[in-house]
Amino acid sequence: MIMIDGSAGEGGGQILRTALALAVVTGKPFRMHSIRAGRRTPGLGNQHLAAVRAAATISQAGLEGAGLGAGELTFRPGPVMPGQYHFSTGTAGSAMLVLQAVLPPLLLAAEPSRLELEGGTHNPWAPPFDFLRDAYAPLLSRAGVHLHLTLKRHGFFPAGGGQALADIQPGPVMKPLTVLWRGTIRRIGVTGLVGRLPRRIAVEETTVAARELAGYGVDTDIREVDSVGPGNAIMVKIECEEITEVFTAFGQRGVPARQVGAQVAGEVRQYLDSGVPVGPYLADQLLLPLALAGRGEFLTGEPSTHTRSNIAVITRFLHVIFDVRSDGPGRYRIACRPQ
């Protein structure tokens, strides 16, 4: 039984999701206390409980303490069972975060799987659908496994109601990934999304973002999308020779559209000026594929507390070591190797 302190590091839900995924991969049970102790509302929220139940479903796991608001959980996994599943957060909680908890074991399963996911697809506190489809999934393909994502309906906070399909084609092993340069920038696209809101909001956001990034040359697009409730996001997709990155900002009540556009443009400029291929959010996502392959490396910016917390959990389950070292001002090389 692996004992995990859920308040360690950044003390958020990523610690739980990583533990769930790796428990199913390795067959090792764990007990976690102080779940999400670092958050305003500690304990299991709806989306975290949905992730726990999803991981338990694909492995017929035994559960103790899996209740709303619970601060402790015991998880005893069985063998992973690929197949067709339907998982719903029941709220605007991120369905993409539920996917995180079950994707690693299903990528290594004996047969393909299809997941129907319901809940939030575009949430301010989670990787949006487009990021996983355009930035993360292509790197998984390079690792020898495949994730094909289809968006059926957008789900914005706070209404949720999004729908997505995840078709998972596993491989016998994960191949090591090496992402040390991004190559030539081929295209930068700025897309404004509005659901049940005036189109002018997205127009103003994309106009500001395009102006802020004018030195790079960008294409803009406005999309009015189907959603249960109102919502707005602006996404910048940077297509490079070796990698694609996606940055997102979300509209909020009382926040001017121009400020939202300027926010995402600032994050993009910081990424482009850094010269590294892997942005801060993608860095978090790549840790598990590297660990499951047993080796690999990538170049990114200064690792966040989130990234370091994730590394700490991974090394509790897998016999790997992560070397994190400076590669120049604001540049860090993260490498994984067997223990």
Protein backbone atom coordinates (compact mmCIF):
# COMPACT_ATOMS: atom_id res chain seq x y z
CA MET A 1 0.00 0.00 0.00
CA ILE A 2 1.53 3.29 -1.12
CA MET A 3 0.80 6.15 1.27
CA ILE A 4 0.39 9.58 -0.35
CA ASP A 5 0.00 13.01 1.22
CA GLY A 6 -2.47 14.90 -0.94
CA SER A 7 -1.36 18.22 0.55
CA ALA A 8 2.23 17.86 -0.68
CA GLY A 9 3.58 20.30 -3.23
CA GLU A 10 0.80 22.16 -4.99
CA GLY A 11 -1.78 20.07 -3.11
CA GLY A 12 -4.28 19.83 -5.95
CA GLY A 13 -6.20 17.27 -7.97
CA GLN A 14 -3.29 16.34 -10.25
CA ILE A 15 -1.74 14.36 -7.42
CA LEU A 16 -4.90 12.26 -7.22
CA ARG A 17 -5.28 11.77 -10.98
CA THR A 18 -1.66 10.68 -11.42
CA ALA A 19 -1.96 8.27 -8.51
CA LEU A 20 -5.15 6.78 -9.95
CA ALA A 21 -3.63 6.32 -13.40
CA LEU A 22 -0.43 4.72 -12.15
CA ALA A 23 -2.20 2.53 -9.61
CA VAL A 24 -4.12 0.96 -12.49
CA VAL A 25 -1.00 0.71 -14.67
CA THR A 26 1.09 -0.98 -11.96
CA GLY A 27 -1.59 -2.77 -9.96
CA LYS A 28 -0.30 -1.08 -6.80
CA PRO A 29 -2.92 0.09 -4.26
CA PHE A 30 -2.62 3.45 -2.53
CA ARG A 31 -4.10 5.38 0.36
CA MET A 32 -4.23 9.16 0.10
CA HIS A 33 -4.95 11.60 2.91
CA SER A 34 -5.39 15.38 2.95
CA ILE A 35 -6.81 15.27 -0.59
CA ARG A 36 -6.68 18.69 -2.28
CA ALA A 37 -5.78 20.27 1.06
CA GLY A 38 -4.21 23.18 -0.79
CA ARG A 39 -7.48 24.23 -2.42
CA ARG A 40 -10.22 26.62 -1.29
CA THR A 41 -12.69 23.71 -1.08
CA PRO A 42 -10.58 20.71 -0.05
CA GLY A 43 -11.54 17.08 -0.54
CA LEU A 44 -13.09 15.32 -3.52
CA GLY A 45 -15.16 17.56 -5.80
CA ASN A 46 -17.52 16.22 -8.44
CA GLN A 47 -14.90 16.01 -11.18
CA HIS A 48 -12.39 14.34 -8.84
CA LEU A 49 -14.98 11.83 -7.71
CA ALA A 50 -15.83 11.17 -11.37
CA ALA A 51 -12.13 10.48 -12.03
CA VAL A 52 -11.95 8.07 -9.07
CA ARG A 53 -15.02 6.19 -10.26
CA ALA A 54 -13.78 6.09 -13.84
CA ALA A 55 -10.43 4.61 -12.79
CA ALA A 56 -12.25 2.12 -10.57
CA THR A 57 -14.57 1.14 -13.41
CA ILE A 58 -11.82 0.26 -15.88
CA SER A 59 -10.00 -1.82 -13.26
CA GLN A 60 -12.78 -3.15 -11.00
CA ALA A 61 -11.01 -1.43 -8.13
CA GLY A 62 -11.98 -1.59 -4.51
CA LEU A 63 -12.73 1.82 -3.00
CA GLU A 64 -12.89 3.20 0.51
CA GLY A 65 -13.81 6.82 1.21
CA ALA A 66 -14.97 7.72 -2.31
CA GLY A 67 -17.54 10.34 -1.37
CA LEU A 68 -18.12 13.99 -2.18
CA GLY A 69 -15.87 16.15 -0.01
CA ALA A 70 -13.88 13.17 1.27
CA GLY A 71 -10.34 13.97 2.39
CA GLU A 72 -9.08 10.37 2.43
CA LEU A 73 -9.30 7.59 -0.15
CA THR A 74 -8.11 4.01 -0.47
CA PHE A 75 -7.87 2.59 -4.00
CA ARG A 76 -7.14 -1.08 -4.74
CA PRO A 77 -7.01 -1.67 -8.51
CA GLY A 78 -7.59 -4.87 -10.42
CA PRO A 79 -6.44 -5.58 -13.99
CA VAL A 80 -7.23 -2.93 -16.60
CA MET A 81 -10.19 -3.72 -18.84
CA PRO A 82 -10.30 -1.93 -22.20
CA GLY A 83 -13.71 -1.38 -23.79
CA GLN A 84 -16.45 1.18 -24.31
CA TYR A 85 -17.27 3.46 -21.39
CA HIS A 86 -19.36 6.51 -20.60
CA PHE A 87 -18.06 8.92 -17.96
CA SER A 88 -19.78 12.10 -16.82
CA THR A 89 -18.81 14.68 -14.23
CA GLY A 90 -22.49 15.54 -13.73
CA THR A 91 -21.45 19.20 -13.49
CA ALA A 92 -19.24 21.70 -15.32
CA GLY A 93 -16.24 19.84 -13.87
CA SER A 94 -13.67 19.01 -16.52
CA ALA A 95 -14.29 15.83 -18.47
CA MET A 96 -10.76 16.28 -19.83
CA LEU A 97 -9.37 15.79 -16.33
CA VAL A 98 -11.41 12.59 -15.94
CA LEU A 99 -9.75 11.41 -19.16
CA GLN A 100 -6.34 12.02 -17.57
CA ALA A 101 -7.06 9.46 -14.86
CA VAL A 102 -7.85 6.60 -17.23
CA LEU A 103 -5.85 7.38 -20.38
CA PRO A 104 -2.39 6.03 -19.35
CA PRO A 105 -3.58 2.49 -18.47
CA LEU A 106 -5.84 2.30 -21.52
CA LEU A 107 -2.93 3.37 -23.76
CA LEU A 108 -1.08 0.27 -22.56
CA ALA A 109 -4.06 -2.11 -22.61
CA ALA A 110 -4.40 -5.17 -24.85
CA GLU A 111 -7.30 -3.79 -26.92
CA PRO A 112 -8.61 -0.41 -28.09
CA SER A 113 -11.13 1.60 -26.06
CA ARG A 114 -13.75 4.24 -26.75
CA LEU A 115 -14.81 6.73 -24.09
CA GLU A 116 -17.86 8.98 -24.17
CA LEU A 117 -17.12 11.95 -21.94
CA GLU A 118 -19.60 14.50 -20.61
CA GLY A 119 -18.99 17.66 -18.59
CA GLY A 120 -16.69 20.60 -19.09
CA THR A 121 -14.56 20.65 -22.23
CA HIS A 122 -13.33 24.25 -21.95
CA ASN A 123 -12.66 25.13 -18.29
CA PRO A 124 -10.33 27.82 -16.91
CA TRP A 125 -8.65 25.36 -14.51
CA ALA A 126 -8.08 22.40 -16.81
CA PRO A 127 -6.51 21.54 -20.17
CA PRO A 128 -9.12 22.42 -22.82
CA PHE A 129 -10.18 19.92 -25.46
CA ASP A 130 -8.23 21.68 -28.24
CA PHE A 131 -4.99 21.54 -26.26
CA LEU A 132 -5.27 17.77 -25.80
CA ARG A 133 -6.24 17.19 -29.44
CA ASP A 134 -3.73 19.50 -31.12
CA ALA A 135 -0.74 19.60 -28.74
CA TYR A 136 -0.79 16.41 -26.65
CA ALA A 137 -2.26 13.69 -28.90
CA PRO A 138 0.30 14.16 -31.72
CA LEU A 139 3.13 13.56 -29.25
CA LEU A 140 1.43 10.38 -28.03
CA SER A 141 1.41 9.18 -31.65
CA ARG A 142 5.17 9.72 -31.77
CA ALA A 143 5.38 7.53 -28.66
CA GLY A 144 3.63 4.68 -30.49
CA VAL A 145 0.13 5.03 -29.02
CA HIS A 146 -2.82 6.95 -30.40
CA LEU A 147 -5.55 9.17 -28.97
CA HIS A 148 -8.19 10.48 -31.37
CA LEU A 149 -10.49 13.10 -29.87
CA THR A 150 -13.82 14.25 -31.31
CA LEU A 151 -15.76 17.20 -29.90
CA LYS A 152 -19.53 16.86 -30.19
CA ARG A 153 -20.54 19.86 -28.06
CA HIS A 154 -18.63 22.52 -26.18
CA GLY A 155 -19.00 22.60 -22.41
CA PHE A 156 -18.11 25.92 -20.78
CA PHE A 157 -17.99 26.78 -17.09
CA PRO A 158 -20.35 27.04 -15.23
CA ALA A 159 -23.02 25.19 -17.26
CA GLY A 160 -20.94 22.28 -18.53
CA GLY A 161 -22.88 19.89 -20.75
CA GLY A 162 -20.02 19.29 -23.18
CA GLN A 163 -19.67 16.01 -25.04
CA ALA A 164 -16.54 14.43 -26.46
CA LEU A 165 -15.36 11.07 -27.74
CA ALA A 166 -11.93 9.60 -27.06
CA ASP A 167 -10.82 6.69 -29.25
CA ILE A 168 -7.75 5.06 -27.75
CA GLN A 169 -5.48 2.81 -29.79
CA PRO A 170 -2.89 1.28 -27.47
CA GLY A 171 0.57 0.03 -28.24
CA PRO A 172 2.58 -2.80 -26.66
CA VAL A 173 5.05 -0.30 -25.20
CA MET A 174 5.52 3.45 -25.02
CA LYS A 175 8.42 4.71 -27.11
CA PRO A 176 10.71 7.33 -25.54
CA LEU A 177 10.03 10.92 -26.55
CA THR A 178 12.70 13.51 -27.17
CA VAL A 179 11.48 17.09 -27.64
CA LEU A 180 14.46 19.46 -27.55
CA TRP A 181 13.62 21.93 -30.32
CA ARG A 182 10.51 23.23 -32.02
CA GLY A 183 11.91 24.07 -35.44
CA THR A 184 10.48 26.64 -37.83
CA ILE A 185 7.16 28.25 -36.94
CA ARG A 186 4.79 27.34 -39.75
CA ARG A 187 1.57 29.02 -38.63
CA ILE A 188 0.04 30.86 -35.68
CA GLY A 189 -3.75 30.76 -35.54
CA VAL A 190 -5.91 32.82 -33.16
CA THR A 191 -9.43 31.48 -32.65
CA GLY A 192 -12.18 33.14 -30.65
CA LEU A 193 -15.00 30.91 -29.38
CA VAL A 194 -18.40 32.12 -28.22
CA GLY A 195 -21.32 30.01 -27.14
CA ARG A 196 -24.63 31.77 -26.46
CA LEU A 197 -22.81 35.10 -26.28
CA PRO A 198 -22.43 38.04 -28.71
CA ARG A 199 -19.95 37.47 -31.52
CA ARG A 200 -18.38 40.87 -30.87
CA ILE A 201 -16.72 39.52 -27.70
CA ALA A 202 -14.64 37.05 -29.69
CA VAL A 203 -13.97 39.67 -32.37
CA GLU A 204 -12.50 42.09 -29.84
CA GLU A 205 -10.41 39.38 -28.16
CA THR A 206 -8.92 38.08 -31.39
CA THR A 207 -8.29 41.60 -32.70
CA VAL A 208 -6.30 42.51 -29.60
CA ALA A 209 -4.37 39.21 -29.57
CA ALA A 210 -3.56 39.51 -33.29
CA ARG A 211 -2.33 43.08 -32.79
CA GLU A 212 -0.13 42.04 -29.86
CA LEU A 213 1.36 39.22 -31.98
CA ALA A 214 1.57 41.20 -35.21
CA GLY A 215 5.32 40.73 -35.42
CA TYR A 216 4.87 37.01 -35.85
CA GLY A 217 2.06 37.10 -38.42
CA VAL A 218 -1.17 35.38 -37.40
CA ASP A 219 -4.42 34.10 -38.88
CA THR A 220 -7.68 34.82 -37.03
CA ASP A 221 -10.98 32.97 -36.89
CA ILE A 222 -14.27 33.45 -35.02
CA ARG A 223 -16.43 30.45 -34.19
CA GLU A 224 -19.94 30.54 -32.74
CA VAL A 225 -20.35 27.11 -31.18
CA ASP A 226 -23.09 24.93 -29.76
CA SER A 227 -23.13 24.88 -25.96
CA VAL A 228 -25.61 24.33 -23.13
CA GLY A 229 -24.74 27.60 -21.42
CA PRO A 230 -22.86 30.79 -22.25
CA GLY A 231 -19.12 30.68 -22.56
CA ASN A 232 -16.14 32.24 -24.26
CA ALA A 233 -12.51 31.33 -24.90
CA ILE A 234 -9.68 32.49 -27.10
CA MET A 235 -7.05 30.02 -28.25
CA VAL A 236 -3.71 30.51 -29.95
CA LYS A 237 -2.36 27.50 -31.84
CA ILE A 238 1.35 27.62 -32.70
CA GLU A 239 2.24 25.06 -35.35
CA CYS A 240 5.97 24.42 -35.54
CA GLU A 241 8.12 21.99 -37.48
CA GLU A 242 8.50 19.58 -34.55
CA ILE A 243 5.67 20.45 -32.16
CA THR A 244 2.34 22.24 -31.83
CA GLU A 245 1.49 24.28 -28.74
CA VAL A 246 -1.87 25.71 -27.70
CA PHE A 247 -2.48 28.58 -25.27
CA THR A 248 -5.94 29.54 -24.01
CA ALA A 249 -7.61 32.32 -22.04
CA PHE A 250 -11.23 32.38 -20.90
CA GLY A 251 -13.70 35.21 -20.79
CA GLN A 252 -15.12 36.04 -17.38
CA ARG A 253 -17.97 38.22 -16.26
CA GLY A 254 -16.65 41.72 -15.54
CA VAL A 255 -13.35 41.20 -17.38
CA PRO A 256 -13.05 43.26 -20.61
CA ALA A 257 -12.58 41.23 -23.79
CA ARG A 258 -9.46 43.22 -24.67
CA GLN A 259 -7.88 42.12 -21.39
CA VAL A 260 -8.58 38.45 -22.18
CA GLY A 261 -7.00 38.83 -25.62
CA ALA A 262 -3.96 40.59 -24.17
CA GLN A 263 -3.56 37.87 -21.53
CA VAL A 264 -3.25 35.00 -23.99
CA ALA A 265 -1.02 37.06 -26.27
CA GLY A 266 1.33 37.71 -23.34
CA GLU A 267 1.61 33.97 -22.61
CA VAL A 268 2.30 33.26 -26.27
CA ARG A 269 5.00 35.94 -26.50
CA GLN A 270 6.69 34.57 -23.41
CA TYR A 271 6.70 31.09 -24.94
CA LEU A 272 7.99 32.27 -28.31
CA ASP A 273 10.70 34.43 -26.78
CA SER A 274 11.92 31.58 -24.56
CA GLY A 275 12.91 29.41 -27.52
CA VAL A 276 11.87 26.21 -25.73
CA PRO A 277 9.56 23.75 -27.53
CA VAL A 278 7.44 22.66 -24.55
CA GLY A 279 5.24 25.14 -22.71
CA PRO A 280 4.40 24.94 -18.99
CA TYR A 281 1.11 23.04 -19.36
CA LEU A 282 2.39 20.55 -21.91
CA ALA A 283 5.36 19.88 -19.62
CA ASP A 284 2.97 18.53 -17.00
CA GLN A 285 1.32 16.26 -19.55
CA LEU A 286 4.56 14.79 -20.92
CA LEU A 287 5.87 13.49 -17.59
CA LEU A 288 3.71 10.36 -17.61
CA PRO A 289 4.51 9.29 -21.21
CA LEU A 290 8.22 9.65 -20.44
CA ALA A 291 7.88 7.68 -17.21
CA LEU A 292 5.85 4.91 -18.86
CA ALA A 293 8.47 4.63 -21.60
CA GLY A 294 11.18 4.56 -18.94
CA ARG A 295 13.20 7.31 -20.57
CA GLY A 296 13.02 10.46 -22.70
CA GLU A 297 13.61 14.20 -22.33
CA PHE A 298 12.25 17.60 -23.26
CA LEU A 299 13.19 21.26 -23.01
CA THR A 300 10.83 23.66 -21.24
CA GLY A 301 10.72 26.74 -19.03
CA GLU A 302 11.23 26.78 -15.28
CA PRO A 303 9.23 23.84 -13.84
CA SER A 304 6.19 24.84 -11.82
CA THR A 305 5.26 23.47 -8.39
CA HIS A 306 2.59 21.54 -10.29
CA THR A 307 5.25 19.82 -12.40
CA ARG A 308 7.47 19.00 -9.45
CA SER A 309 4.52 17.61 -7.48
CA ASN A 310 3.62 15.37 -10.39
CA ILE A 311 7.18 14.06 -10.59
CA ALA A 312 7.09 13.21 -6.88
CA VAL A 313 3.94 11.10 -7.31
CA ILE A 314 5.18 9.33 -10.44
CA THR A 315 8.36 8.16 -8.74
CA ARG A 316 6.31 6.58 -5.94
CA PHE A 317 4.83 4.12 -8.44
CA LEU A 318 7.47 3.69 -11.16
CA HIS A 319 11.18 2.91 -10.90
CA VAL A 320 12.33 6.01 -12.76
CA ILE A 321 14.35 9.10 -11.97
CA PHE A 322 13.69 12.58 -13.33
CA ASP A 323 16.68 14.85 -13.78
CA VAL A 324 15.71 18.53 -13.85
CA ARG A 325 18.57 20.85 -14.73
CA SER A 326 19.08 24.33 -16.06
CA ASP A 327 19.92 24.68 -19.74
CA GLY A 328 20.43 28.43 -19.73
CA PRO A 329 18.40 31.43 -18.52
CA GLY A 330 14.73 30.41 -18.23
CA ARG A 331 15.38 27.04 -19.93
CA TYR A 332 15.25 23.64 -18.24
CA ARG A 333 15.89 20.14 -19.52
CA ILE A 334 13.72 17.45 -17.91
CA ALA A 335 15.02 13.94 -18.54
CA CYS A 336 13.66 10.58 -17.40
CA ARG A 337 15.75 7.44 -16.94
CA PRO A 338 15.39 4.07 -15.22
CA GLN A 339 16.18 3.99 -11.51
